[in-house]
Amino acid sequence: MRPPDLMYTALNDRLVAEIGTDRYLTIILADADPSTGVATLSLAGRPGPAIPRADGGIEYASSFCMPIGLIPNAEVSSFQSRLETRDRLCSDGIPKCMGYADDALLDDEGLEELFIEVFVRRGLQFVEALQDGLSGVSGRADFCDDLSAAVLERLALS
């Protein structure tokens, strides 16, 4: 696989050349090495993901690229994070969720409390527990913004 920054550039060039700049896409491009836990990401039009750690800490990655297809020769940046066993990398769709009746976004403190509450679950049960938790916080089954999540969890190597 090409590194995420090269994929970003290739996709951007193609979309601009074939469609023009009236359409664009946002995406997280990642390349993760399961043997080392190193993940390299480019975030096209997306805020950085949350990284809940197995030790209870939560980090927020900060990196940003323009959406793909918006402008020619867009500058691209990537970042790396090392995931230890049971660490997770969770895409930005969770904090963007409308969290409260007054349509305020779910803040970092609220997100951290939710991660702590559901962290013991793994795989799809983790994602479902996040969705249930967001529904409980917002009082809604449907969300005003798209609720998307990609979760990458590093498991122990046997």
N, C-alpha and C. Protein backbone atom coordinates (compact mmCIF):
# COMPACT_ATOMS: atom_id res chain seq x y z
N MET A 1 0.83 -1.17 0.00
CA MET A 1 0.00 0.00 0.00
C MET A 1 0.88 1.24 0.00
N ARG A 2 0.43 2.25 -0.70
CA ARG A 2 1.14 3.54 -0.67
C ARG A 2 0.94 4.18 0.70
N PRO A 3 1.90 4.97 1.16
CA PRO A 3 1.70 5.71 2.41
C PRO A 3 0.49 6.65 2.29
N PRO A 4 -0.19 6.94 3.41
CA PRO A 4 -1.39 7.77 3.37
C PRO A 4 -1.20 9.13 2.69
N ASP A 5 -0.05 9.78 2.87
CA ASP A 5 0.13 11.09 2.24
C ASP A 5 0.20 10.98 0.71
N LEU A 6 0.78 9.90 0.19
CA LEU A 6 0.81 9.70 -1.26
C LEU A 6 -0.57 9.33 -1.80
N MET A 7 -1.33 8.56 -1.03
CA MET A 7 -2.71 8.24 -1.42
C MET A 7 -3.54 9.52 -1.47
N TYR A 8 -3.38 10.37 -0.47
CA TYR A 8 -4.09 11.64 -0.43
C TYR A 8 -3.80 12.46 -1.69
N THR A 9 -2.51 12.60 -2.02
CA THR A 9 -2.12 13.39 -3.18
C THR A 9 -2.69 12.80 -4.47
N ALA A 10 -2.60 11.49 -4.63
CA ALA A 10 -3.11 10.84 -5.83
C ALA A 10 -4.63 11.01 -5.95
N LEU A 11 -5.35 10.80 -4.85
CA LEU A 11 -6.81 10.97 -4.88
C LEU A 11 -7.19 12.42 -5.16
N ASN A 12 -6.48 13.35 -4.52
CA ASN A 12 -6.77 14.77 -4.72
C ASN A 12 -6.54 15.16 -6.18
N ASP A 13 -5.40 14.77 -6.74
CA ASP A 13 -5.11 15.11 -8.13
C ASP A 13 -6.16 14.55 -9.07
N ARG A 14 -6.56 13.33 -8.83
CA ARG A 14 -7.54 12.69 -9.72
C ARG A 14 -8.91 13.36 -9.60
N LEU A 15 -9.35 13.62 -8.40
CA LEU A 15 -10.67 14.23 -8.21
C LEU A 15 -10.70 15.63 -8.81
N VAL A 16 -9.67 16.42 -8.59
CA VAL A 16 -9.63 17.78 -9.16
C VAL A 16 -9.61 17.71 -10.68
N ALA A 17 -8.82 16.80 -11.26
CA ALA A 17 -8.70 16.70 -12.71
C ALA A 17 -9.98 16.20 -13.38
N GLU A 18 -10.67 15.25 -12.75
CA GLU A 18 -11.82 14.63 -13.39
C GLU A 18 -13.15 15.28 -13.06
N ILE A 19 -13.26 15.87 -11.89
CA ILE A 19 -14.56 16.39 -11.47
C ILE A 19 -14.54 17.91 -11.32
N GLY A 20 -13.40 18.49 -11.03
CA GLY A 20 -13.33 19.91 -10.73
C GLY A 20 -13.43 20.10 -9.24
N THR A 21 -13.59 21.32 -8.82
CA THR A 21 -13.57 21.60 -7.38
C THR A 21 -14.95 21.85 -6.79
N ASP A 22 -16.01 21.42 -7.47
CA ASP A 22 -17.34 21.59 -6.88
C ASP A 22 -17.76 20.39 -6.04
N ARG A 23 -16.98 19.34 -6.06
CA ARG A 23 -17.23 18.15 -5.24
C ARG A 23 -15.95 17.80 -4.50
N TYR A 24 -16.10 17.29 -3.29
CA TYR A 24 -14.94 16.91 -2.51
C TYR A 24 -15.35 15.79 -1.57
N LEU A 25 -14.35 15.20 -0.94
CA LEU A 25 -14.65 14.17 0.06
C LEU A 25 -13.73 14.35 1.25
N THR A 26 -14.23 13.90 2.39
CA THR A 26 -13.42 13.88 3.61
C THR A 26 -13.16 12.42 3.94
N ILE A 27 -11.96 12.16 4.44
CA ILE A 27 -11.59 10.77 4.69
C ILE A 27 -10.39 10.73 5.64
N ILE A 28 -10.27 9.66 6.35
CA ILE A 28 -9.07 9.37 7.12
C ILE A 28 -8.37 8.23 6.42
N LEU A 29 -7.14 8.45 6.02
CA LEU A 29 -6.33 7.42 5.39
C LEU A 29 -5.31 6.94 6.41
N ALA A 30 -5.24 5.64 6.62
CA ALA A 30 -4.34 5.10 7.65
C ALA A 30 -3.61 3.87 7.15
N ASP A 31 -2.41 3.74 7.65
CA ASP A 31 -1.61 2.54 7.42
C ASP A 31 -1.10 2.11 8.79
N ALA A 32 -1.54 0.95 9.25
CA ALA A 32 -1.17 0.48 10.59
C ALA A 32 -0.38 -0.81 10.47
N ASP A 33 0.70 -0.89 11.23
CA ASP A 33 1.54 -2.08 11.27
C ASP A 33 1.20 -2.85 12.55
N PRO A 34 0.51 -3.99 12.43
CA PRO A 34 0.09 -4.71 13.63
C PRO A 34 1.26 -5.23 14.47
N SER A 35 2.42 -5.45 13.86
CA SER A 35 3.55 -5.98 14.63
C SER A 35 4.20 -4.92 15.52
N THR A 36 4.18 -3.66 15.10
CA THR A 36 4.80 -2.60 15.89
C THR A 36 3.78 -1.69 16.58
N GLY A 37 2.55 -1.69 16.08
CA GLY A 37 1.53 -0.81 16.62
C GLY A 37 1.60 0.60 16.07
N VAL A 38 2.50 0.86 15.13
CA VAL A 38 2.63 2.21 14.57
C VAL A 38 1.57 2.42 13.49
N ALA A 39 0.80 3.48 13.65
CA ALA A 39 -0.21 3.86 12.66
C ALA A 39 0.17 5.23 12.10
N THR A 40 0.18 5.34 10.78
CA THR A 40 0.44 6.60 10.09
C THR A 40 -0.87 7.04 9.46
N LEU A 41 -1.28 8.28 9.72
CA LEU A 41 -2.57 8.77 9.24
C LEU A 41 -2.46 10.12 8.55
N SER A 42 -3.31 10.31 7.54
CA SER A 42 -3.56 11.61 6.92
C SER A 42 -5.05 11.86 7.06
N LEU A 43 -5.40 13.05 7.51
CA LEU A 43 -6.79 13.40 7.79
C LEU A 43 -7.25 14.44 6.78
N ALA A 44 -7.98 14.02 5.79
CA ALA A 44 -8.44 14.92 4.74
C ALA A 44 -9.80 15.51 5.13
N GLY A 45 -9.76 16.75 5.62
CA GLY A 45 -11.00 17.42 6.00
C GLY A 45 -11.62 16.89 7.28
N ARG A 46 -10.87 16.16 8.04
CA ARG A 46 -11.38 15.56 9.28
C ARG A 46 -10.53 16.02 10.45
N PRO A 47 -11.15 16.30 11.58
CA PRO A 47 -10.34 16.58 12.77
C PRO A 47 -9.64 15.31 13.25
N GLY A 48 -8.66 15.48 14.10
CA GLY A 48 -7.88 14.34 14.58
C GLY A 48 -8.70 13.40 15.45
N PRO A 49 -8.32 12.13 15.45
CA PRO A 49 -9.03 11.14 16.24
C PRO A 49 -8.65 11.19 17.72
N ALA A 50 -9.49 10.59 18.53
CA ALA A 50 -9.18 10.36 19.95
C ALA A 50 -8.47 9.02 20.05
N ILE A 51 -7.53 8.95 20.98
CA ILE A 51 -6.79 7.70 21.18
C ILE A 51 -6.93 7.31 22.65
N PRO A 52 -8.00 6.53 22.98
CA PRO A 52 -8.11 6.04 24.36
C PRO A 52 -7.07 4.96 24.60
N ARG A 53 -6.28 5.14 25.64
CA ARG A 53 -5.20 4.22 25.97
C ARG A 53 -5.66 3.20 27.00
N ALA A 54 -5.07 2.03 26.97
CA ALA A 54 -5.42 0.97 27.92
C ALA A 54 -5.16 1.39 29.36
N ASP A 55 -4.22 2.34 29.57
CA ASP A 55 -3.93 2.80 30.92
C ASP A 55 -4.92 3.85 31.43
N GLY A 56 -5.95 4.16 30.63
CA GLY A 56 -6.98 5.10 31.04
C GLY A 56 -6.79 6.50 30.51
N GLY A 57 -5.63 6.82 29.96
CA GLY A 57 -5.41 8.14 29.38
C GLY A 57 -6.05 8.25 28.01
N ILE A 58 -6.30 9.48 27.60
CA ILE A 58 -6.84 9.73 26.27
C ILE A 58 -6.03 10.84 25.63
N GLU A 59 -5.56 10.57 24.42
CA GLU A 59 -4.82 11.57 23.65
C GLU A 59 -5.68 11.99 22.47
N TYR A 60 -5.43 13.19 21.99
CA TYR A 60 -6.12 13.70 20.81
C TYR A 60 -5.06 14.04 19.78
N ALA A 61 -5.14 13.42 18.63
CA ALA A 61 -4.18 13.67 17.57
C ALA A 61 -4.56 14.96 16.86
N SER A 62 -3.58 15.76 16.54
CA SER A 62 -3.87 16.99 15.83
C SER A 62 -3.08 17.04 14.54
N SER A 63 -3.80 16.97 13.47
CA SER A 63 -3.24 17.07 12.13
C SER A 63 -4.42 17.34 11.23
N PHE A 64 -4.20 18.03 10.14
CA PHE A 64 -5.33 18.36 9.27
C PHE A 64 -4.84 18.56 7.85
N CYS A 65 -5.58 18.04 6.89
CA CYS A 65 -5.36 18.31 5.47
C CYS A 65 -6.68 18.80 4.91
N MET A 66 -6.61 19.53 3.83
CA MET A 66 -7.81 19.98 3.14
C MET A 66 -8.61 18.75 2.68
N PRO A 67 -9.92 18.88 2.54
CA PRO A 67 -10.68 17.78 1.94
C PRO A 67 -10.13 17.43 0.56
N ILE A 68 -10.28 16.21 0.16
CA ILE A 68 -9.79 15.75 -1.14
C ILE A 68 -10.68 16.30 -2.25
N GLY A 69 -10.02 16.91 -3.24
CA GLY A 69 -10.73 17.43 -4.40
C GLY A 69 -11.13 18.88 -4.31
N LEU A 70 -10.83 19.53 -3.22
CA LEU A 70 -11.26 20.92 -3.03
C LEU A 70 -10.36 21.91 -3.76
N ILE A 71 -9.03 21.72 -3.66
CA ILE A 71 -8.10 22.61 -4.36
C ILE A 71 -6.97 21.78 -4.96
N PRO A 72 -6.44 22.22 -6.12
CA PRO A 72 -5.31 21.50 -6.70
C PRO A 72 -4.06 21.67 -5.83
N ASN A 73 -3.19 20.69 -5.86
CA ASN A 73 -1.91 20.73 -5.15
C ASN A 73 -2.05 21.05 -3.66
N ALA A 74 -3.07 20.50 -3.05
CA ALA A 74 -3.31 20.75 -1.63
C ALA A 74 -2.15 20.21 -0.80
N GLU A 75 -1.79 20.97 0.22
CA GLU A 75 -0.73 20.53 1.11
C GLU A 75 -1.24 19.37 1.97
N VAL A 76 -0.42 18.38 2.16
CA VAL A 76 -0.81 17.19 2.92
C VAL A 76 0.12 17.05 4.12
N SER A 77 -0.44 16.60 5.22
CA SER A 77 0.39 16.30 6.38
C SER A 77 -0.07 14.96 6.95
N SER A 78 0.84 14.30 7.59
CA SER A 78 0.56 13.01 8.22
C SER A 78 1.10 13.04 9.64
N PHE A 79 0.61 12.13 10.44
CA PHE A 79 1.17 11.97 11.78
C PHE A 79 1.21 10.49 12.10
N GLN A 80 2.03 10.16 13.07
CA GLN A 80 2.14 8.77 13.51
C GLN A 80 1.78 8.68 14.99
N SER A 81 1.21 7.55 15.33
CA SER A 81 0.94 7.24 16.73
C SER A 81 1.24 5.76 16.93
N ARG A 82 1.76 5.43 18.07
CA ARG A 82 2.04 4.03 18.40
C ARG A 82 0.97 3.54 19.35
N LEU A 83 0.29 2.48 18.95
CA LEU A 83 -0.74 1.87 19.78
C LEU A 83 -0.14 0.70 20.53
N GLU A 84 -0.29 0.70 21.83
CA GLU A 84 0.12 -0.43 22.65
C GLU A 84 -1.07 -1.39 22.75
N THR A 85 -0.85 -2.56 23.31
CA THR A 85 -1.91 -3.55 23.44
C THR A 85 -3.13 -2.94 24.13
N ARG A 86 -4.29 -3.11 23.53
CA ARG A 86 -5.61 -2.65 23.97
C ARG A 86 -5.84 -1.15 23.78
N ASP A 87 -4.86 -0.40 23.26
CA ASP A 87 -5.10 0.99 22.88
C ASP A 87 -6.02 1.00 21.67
N ARG A 88 -6.72 2.11 21.50
CA ARG A 88 -7.63 2.25 20.36
C ARG A 88 -7.45 3.60 19.71
N LEU A 89 -7.71 3.65 18.44
CA LEU A 89 -7.71 4.90 17.71
C LEU A 89 -9.14 5.06 17.20
N CYS A 90 -9.82 6.12 17.61
CA CYS A 90 -11.23 6.31 17.29
C CYS A 90 -11.40 7.58 16.46
N SER A 91 -11.99 7.45 15.29
CA SER A 91 -12.13 8.59 14.39
C SER A 91 -12.99 9.69 14.99
N ASP A 92 -12.98 10.81 14.32
CA ASP A 92 -13.58 12.05 14.83
C ASP A 92 -15.10 12.08 14.85
N GLY A 93 -15.78 11.14 14.25
CA GLY A 93 -17.23 11.22 14.15
C GLY A 93 -17.94 11.22 15.49
N ILE A 94 -17.28 10.74 16.52
CA ILE A 94 -17.89 10.65 17.84
C ILE A 94 -18.01 12.02 18.50
N PRO A 95 -16.92 12.81 18.61
CA PRO A 95 -17.07 14.11 19.27
C PRO A 95 -17.96 15.08 18.50
N LYS A 96 -18.09 14.90 17.17
CA LYS A 96 -18.93 15.80 16.39
C LYS A 96 -20.41 15.60 16.68
N CYS A 97 -20.75 14.48 17.28
CA CYS A 97 -22.15 14.19 17.56
C CYS A 97 -22.76 15.27 18.44
N MET A 98 -23.95 15.68 18.11
CA MET A 98 -24.65 16.63 18.97
C MET A 98 -24.92 15.94 20.30
N GLY A 99 -24.44 16.54 21.37
CA GLY A 99 -24.46 15.84 22.64
C GLY A 99 -25.57 16.20 23.59
N TYR A 100 -26.13 17.37 23.46
CA TYR A 100 -27.07 17.82 24.48
C TYR A 100 -28.32 18.40 23.83
N ALA A 101 -29.32 18.58 24.63
CA ALA A 101 -30.59 19.10 24.13
C ALA A 101 -30.43 20.48 23.48
N ASP A 102 -29.44 21.26 23.93
CA ASP A 102 -29.23 22.59 23.34
C ASP A 102 -28.34 22.54 22.10
N ASP A 103 -28.10 21.35 21.55
CA ASP A 103 -27.31 21.12 20.35
C ASP A 103 -25.83 21.47 20.50
N ALA A 104 -25.34 21.55 21.73
CA ALA A 104 -23.91 21.76 21.94
C ALA A 104 -23.18 20.47 21.58
N LEU A 105 -21.97 20.60 21.11
CA LEU A 105 -21.16 19.42 20.80
C LEU A 105 -20.72 18.73 22.08
N LEU A 106 -20.52 17.46 21.99
CA LEU A 106 -19.98 16.71 23.12
C LEU A 106 -18.54 17.18 23.35
N ASP A 107 -18.24 17.67 24.53
CA ASP A 107 -16.90 18.20 24.80
C ASP A 107 -15.94 17.07 25.17
N ASP A 108 -14.65 17.42 25.29
CA ASP A 108 -13.62 16.42 25.58
C ASP A 108 -13.89 15.70 26.90
N GLU A 109 -14.32 16.43 27.92
CA GLU A 109 -14.59 15.82 29.23
C GLU A 109 -15.72 14.80 29.13
N GLY A 110 -16.79 15.14 28.42
CA GLY A 110 -17.90 14.21 28.24
C GLY A 110 -17.48 12.98 27.45
N LEU A 111 -16.66 13.21 26.43
CA LEU A 111 -16.16 12.09 25.63
C LEU A 111 -15.28 11.18 26.47
N GLU A 112 -14.40 11.75 27.28
CA GLU A 112 -13.53 10.95 28.13
C GLU A 112 -14.33 10.11 29.12
N GLU A 113 -15.36 10.70 29.71
CA GLU A 113 -16.22 9.93 30.62
C GLU A 113 -16.87 8.76 29.90
N LEU A 114 -17.33 9.00 28.68
CA LEU A 114 -17.96 7.94 27.91
C LEU A 114 -16.95 6.85 27.56
N PHE A 115 -15.75 7.22 27.14
CA PHE A 115 -14.73 6.21 26.84
C PHE A 115 -14.41 5.36 28.06
N ILE A 116 -14.28 5.97 29.21
CA ILE A 116 -13.98 5.24 30.44
C ILE A 116 -15.10 4.25 30.74
N GLU A 117 -16.33 4.69 30.55
CA GLU A 117 -17.50 3.85 30.84
C GLU A 117 -17.57 2.61 29.94
N VAL A 118 -17.20 2.75 28.67
CA VAL A 118 -17.39 1.65 27.72
C VAL A 118 -16.10 0.93 27.34
N PHE A 119 -14.95 1.35 27.89
CA PHE A 119 -13.66 0.84 27.44
C PHE A 119 -13.52 -0.67 27.62
N VAL A 120 -14.17 -1.26 28.60
CA VAL A 120 -14.01 -2.71 28.84
C VAL A 120 -14.56 -3.53 27.68
N ARG A 121 -15.43 -2.97 26.87
CA ARG A 121 -15.97 -3.69 25.73
C ARG A 121 -14.96 -3.65 24.58
N ARG A 122 -15.05 -4.65 23.70
CA ARG A 122 -14.12 -4.75 22.58
C ARG A 122 -14.89 -4.88 21.28
N GLY A 123 -14.21 -4.52 20.19
CA GLY A 123 -14.77 -4.71 18.86
C GLY A 123 -16.10 -3.99 18.67
N LEU A 124 -17.02 -4.69 18.01
CA LEU A 124 -18.33 -4.10 17.71
C LEU A 124 -19.09 -3.71 18.97
N GLN A 125 -18.94 -4.47 20.06
CA GLN A 125 -19.62 -4.11 21.32
C GLN A 125 -19.14 -2.76 21.84
N PHE A 126 -17.86 -2.42 21.62
CA PHE A 126 -17.34 -1.12 22.00
C PHE A 126 -18.03 -0.02 21.21
N VAL A 127 -18.13 -0.19 19.89
CA VAL A 127 -18.77 0.81 19.03
C VAL A 127 -20.25 0.96 19.39
N GLU A 128 -20.93 -0.16 19.60
CA GLU A 128 -22.36 -0.10 19.98
C GLU A 128 -22.55 0.59 21.33
N ALA A 129 -21.66 0.32 22.28
CA ALA A 129 -21.75 0.97 23.59
C ALA A 129 -21.51 2.47 23.46
N LEU A 130 -20.60 2.89 22.59
CA LEU A 130 -20.41 4.31 22.34
C LEU A 130 -21.68 4.95 21.80
N GLN A 131 -22.31 4.28 20.83
CA GLN A 131 -23.54 4.82 20.25
C GLN A 131 -24.64 4.91 21.32
N ASP A 132 -24.78 3.86 22.11
CA ASP A 132 -25.78 3.89 23.18
C ASP A 132 -25.49 5.00 24.18
N GLY A 133 -24.21 5.19 24.51
CA GLY A 133 -23.82 6.25 25.43
C GLY A 133 -24.14 7.63 24.87
N LEU A 134 -23.88 7.83 23.59
CA LEU A 134 -24.19 9.11 22.95
C LEU A 134 -25.70 9.35 22.92
N SER A 135 -26.46 8.30 22.68
CA SER A 135 -27.92 8.43 22.72
C SER A 135 -28.38 8.82 24.11
N GLY A 136 -27.75 8.24 25.13
CA GLY A 136 -28.12 8.57 26.51
C GLY A 136 -27.78 10.01 26.86
N VAL A 137 -26.62 10.48 26.41
CA VAL A 137 -26.21 11.86 26.68
C VAL A 137 -27.11 12.85 25.96
N SER A 138 -27.43 12.56 24.70
CA SER A 138 -28.19 13.51 23.89
C SER A 138 -29.69 13.38 24.07
N GLY A 139 -30.14 12.22 24.56
CA GLY A 139 -31.58 11.99 24.65
C GLY A 139 -32.19 11.71 23.29
N ARG A 140 -31.35 11.34 22.31
CA ARG A 140 -31.84 11.11 20.94
C ARG A 140 -31.39 9.74 20.45
N ALA A 141 -32.21 9.14 19.62
CA ALA A 141 -31.79 7.93 18.93
C ALA A 141 -31.17 8.29 17.58
N ASP A 142 -31.62 9.41 17.00
CA ASP A 142 -31.06 9.92 15.75
C ASP A 142 -30.26 11.17 16.08
N PHE A 143 -29.20 11.41 15.33
CA PHE A 143 -28.34 12.54 15.59
C PHE A 143 -28.44 13.57 14.48
N CYS A 144 -28.28 14.83 14.85
CA CYS A 144 -28.37 15.92 13.88
C CYS A 144 -27.24 15.86 12.86
N ASP A 145 -26.08 15.42 13.29
CA ASP A 145 -24.93 15.30 12.41
C ASP A 145 -24.72 13.81 12.15
N ASP A 146 -23.98 13.51 11.10
CA ASP A 146 -23.71 12.10 10.84
C ASP A 146 -22.86 11.55 11.98
N LEU A 147 -23.22 10.40 12.44
CA LEU A 147 -22.47 9.73 13.49
C LEU A 147 -21.67 8.63 12.82
N SER A 148 -20.37 8.86 12.71
CA SER A 148 -19.51 7.87 12.09
C SER A 148 -18.36 7.58 13.03
N ALA A 149 -17.91 6.36 12.97
CA ALA A 149 -16.77 5.99 13.81
C ALA A 149 -16.01 4.87 13.14
N ALA A 150 -14.72 5.03 13.12
CA ALA A 150 -13.83 3.94 12.74
C ALA A 150 -12.96 3.71 13.97
N VAL A 151 -12.88 2.47 14.39
CA VAL A 151 -12.10 2.17 15.59
C VAL A 151 -11.05 1.12 15.21
N LEU A 152 -9.81 1.43 15.53
CA LEU A 152 -8.70 0.51 15.33
C LEU A 152 -8.19 0.15 16.72
N GLU A 153 -8.25 -1.14 17.06
CA GLU A 153 -7.81 -1.60 18.37
C GLU A 153 -6.63 -2.54 18.20
N ARG A 154 -5.58 -2.32 18.97
CA ARG A 154 -4.43 -3.21 18.90
C ARG A 154 -4.61 -4.32 19.93
N LEU A 155 -4.61 -5.55 19.44
CA LEU A 155 -4.73 -6.71 20.30
C LEU A 155 -3.35 -7.26 20.62
N ALA A 156 -3.26 -8.05 21.64
CA ALA A 156 -1.98 -8.66 22.02
C ALA A 156 -1.58 -9.68 20.95
N LEU A 157 -0.31 -9.72 20.62
CA LEU A 157 0.18 -10.72 19.70
C LEU A 157 0.42 -12.01 20.46
N SER A 158 0.02 -13.13 19.86
CA SER A 158 0.20 -14.39 20.57
C SER A 158 1.50 -15.05 20.22
